[in-house]
Amino acid sequence: MITIEHSPKAFADIIGFDVISARPLRDALLIAQKYYQKKLSKYADIRDSGEASDRQTDKYFEYDDKVNEIRSFIDELNIFCR
């Protein structure tokens, strides 16, 4: 079960879930991570060759941030699901 609580005084919404709902979320995030990792690799190759435009460099950093955020969340879910 996933619950979301919103408080106007809180800085962020609070999401609560149990282990049963955490596993499918982790699986979905693994798929997203694989997708963004593939995009990151594409732009990393272009950037490493020295041929990247400013837009391509920005995309590289955007995908790098997304991969790191997703990986961090997956790591937290792995600890939670033990």
C-alpha atoms as a PDB file:
ATOM      1  CA  MET A   1       0.000   0.000   0.000  1.00  0.00           C
ATOM      2  CA  ILE A   2       1.308   3.419  -0.947  1.00  0.00           C
ATOM      3  CA  THR A   3       0.181   6.474   0.972  1.00  0.00           C
ATOM      4  CA  ILE A   4       0.954  10.100   0.266  1.00  0.00           C
ATOM      5  CA  GLU A   5       0.534  12.775   2.901  1.00  0.00           C
ATOM      6  CA  HIS A   6       0.710  16.465   2.132  1.00  0.00           C
ATOM      7  CA  SER A   7       1.084  19.103   4.782  1.00  0.00           C
ATOM      8  CA  PRO A   8       1.022  22.784   3.870  1.00  0.00           C
ATOM      9  CA  LYS A   9       3.632  23.356   6.590  1.00  0.00           C
ATOM     10  CA  ALA A  10       5.971  20.604   5.373  1.00  0.00           C
ATOM     11  CA  PHE A  11       8.772  21.258   2.916  1.00  0.00           C
ATOM     12  CA  ALA A  12       7.966  18.098   0.954  1.00  0.00           C
ATOM     13  CA  ASP A  13       5.278  15.486   0.591  1.00  0.00           C
ATOM     14  CA  ILE A  14       5.740  12.289   2.555  1.00  0.00           C
ATOM     15  CA  ILE A  15       5.388   9.009   0.698  1.00  0.00           C
ATOM     16  CA  GLY A  16       4.888   5.851   2.694  1.00  0.00           C
ATOM     17  CA  PHE A  17       4.798   2.305   1.380  1.00  0.00           C
ATOM     18  CA  ASP A  18       5.342  -1.243   2.496  1.00  0.00           C
ATOM     19  CA  VAL A  19       7.748  -3.889   1.213  1.00  0.00           C
ATOM     20  CA  ILE A  20       5.145  -5.426  -1.085  1.00  0.00           C
ATOM     21  CA  SER A  21       4.675  -2.167  -3.002  1.00  0.00           C
ATOM     22  CA  ALA A  22       8.375  -1.253  -2.824  1.00  0.00           C
ATOM     23  CA  ARG A  23       9.524  -4.192  -4.948  1.00  0.00           C
ATOM     24  CA  PRO A  24       7.510  -3.255  -8.087  1.00  0.00           C
ATOM     25  CA  LEU A  25       8.645   0.340  -7.637  1.00  0.00           C
ATOM     26  CA  ARG A  26      12.263  -0.838  -7.487  1.00  0.00           C
ATOM     27  CA  ASP A  27      11.747  -2.933 -10.617  1.00  0.00           C
ATOM     28  CA  ALA A  28      10.272   0.037 -12.484  1.00  0.00           C
ATOM     29  CA  LEU A  29      13.181   2.219 -11.389  1.00  0.00           C
ATOM     30  CA  LEU A  30      15.658  -0.395 -12.643  1.00  0.00           C
ATOM     31  CA  ILE A  31      14.030  -0.154 -16.076  1.00  0.00           C
ATOM     32  CA  ALA A  32      14.225   3.652 -15.949  1.00  0.00           C
ATOM     33  CA  GLN A  33      17.854   3.468 -14.845  1.00  0.00           C
ATOM     34  CA  LYS A  34      18.709   1.211 -17.770  1.00  0.00           C
ATOM     35  CA  TYR A  35      16.989   3.626 -20.183  1.00  0.00           C
ATOM     36  CA  TYR A  36      18.796   6.706 -18.859  1.00  0.00           C
ATOM     37  CA  GLN A  37      22.103   4.839 -18.602  1.00  0.00           C
ATOM     38  CA  LYS A  38      21.848   4.061 -22.316  1.00  0.00           C
ATOM     39  CA  LYS A  39      21.194   7.749 -23.085  1.00  0.00           C
ATOM     40  CA  LEU A  40      24.080   8.748 -20.810  1.00  0.00           C
ATOM     41  CA  SER A  41      26.449   6.371 -22.598  1.00  0.00           C
ATOM     42  CA  LYS A  42      25.489   7.877 -25.948  1.00  0.00           C
ATOM     43  CA  TYR A  43      26.252  11.413 -24.822  1.00  0.00           C
ATOM     44  CA  ALA A  44      29.370  10.294 -22.909  1.00  0.00           C
ATOM     45  CA  ASP A  45      30.806   8.877 -26.133  1.00  0.00           C
ATOM     46  CA  ILE A  46      30.128  12.130 -27.977  1.00  0.00           C
ATOM     47  CA  ARG A  47      31.532  14.198 -25.107  1.00  0.00           C
ATOM     48  CA  ASP A  48      34.644  12.047 -24.730  1.00  0.00           C
ATOM     49  CA  SER A  49      35.411  12.356 -28.433  1.00  0.00           C
ATOM     50  CA  GLY A  50      35.553  16.146 -28.041  1.00  0.00           C
ATOM     51  CA  GLU A  51      32.862  16.691 -30.662  1.00  0.00           C
ATOM     52  CA  ALA A  52      29.989  17.561 -28.288  1.00  0.00           C
ATOM     53  CA  SER A  53      28.000  20.743 -28.745  1.00  0.00           C
ATOM     54  CA  ASP A  54      26.811  22.750 -25.741  1.00  0.00           C
ATOM     55  CA  ARG A  55      23.387  21.099 -25.977  1.00  0.00           C
ATOM     56  CA  GLN A  56      24.929  17.623 -26.029  1.00  0.00           C
ATOM     57  CA  THR A  57      27.102  18.454 -23.042  1.00  0.00           C
ATOM     58  CA  ASP A  58      24.035  19.722 -21.172  1.00  0.00           C
ATOM     59  CA  LYS A  59      22.194  16.502 -22.022  1.00  0.00           C
ATOM     60  CA  TYR A  60      25.138  14.477 -20.724  1.00  0.00           C
ATOM     61  CA  PHE A  61      24.991  16.218 -17.347  1.00  0.00           C
ATOM     62  CA  GLU A  62      21.181  15.982 -17.265  1.00  0.00           C
ATOM     63  CA  TYR A  63      21.255  12.214 -17.815  1.00  0.00           C
ATOM     64  CA  ASP A  64      24.146  11.809 -15.379  1.00  0.00           C
ATOM     65  CA  ASP A  65      22.083  13.521 -12.668  1.00  0.00           C
ATOM     66  CA  LYS A  66      19.036  11.366 -13.438  1.00  0.00           C
ATOM     67  CA  VAL A  67      21.029   8.130 -13.336  1.00  0.00           C
ATOM     68  CA  ASN A  68      22.597   9.095 -10.012  1.00  0.00           C
ATOM     69  CA  GLU A  69      19.249  10.068  -8.469  1.00  0.00           C
ATOM     70  CA  ILE A  70      17.582   6.858  -9.616  1.00  0.00           C
ATOM     71  CA  ARG A  71      20.554   4.751  -8.456  1.00  0.00           C
ATOM     72  CA  SER A  72      20.428   6.404  -5.030  1.00  0.00           C
ATOM     73  CA  PHE A  73      16.708   5.714  -4.690  1.00  0.00           C
ATOM     74  CA  ILE A  74      17.165   2.098  -5.806  1.00  0.00           C
ATOM     75  CA  ASP A  75      19.884   1.652  -3.186  1.00  0.00           C
ATOM     76  CA  GLU A  76      17.530   2.950  -0.504  1.00  0.00           C
ATOM     77  CA  LEU A  77      14.777   0.606  -1.706  1.00  0.00           C
ATOM     78  CA  ASN A  78      17.189  -2.339  -1.638  1.00  0.00           C
ATOM     79  CA  ILE A  79      17.957  -1.601   2.010  1.00  0.00           C
ATOM     80  CA  PHE A  80      14.242  -1.255   2.757  1.00  0.00           C
ATOM     81  CA  CYS A  81      13.310  -4.519   0.994  1.00  0.00           C
ATOM     82  CA  ARG A  82      15.772  -6.729   2.880  1.00  0.00           C
END
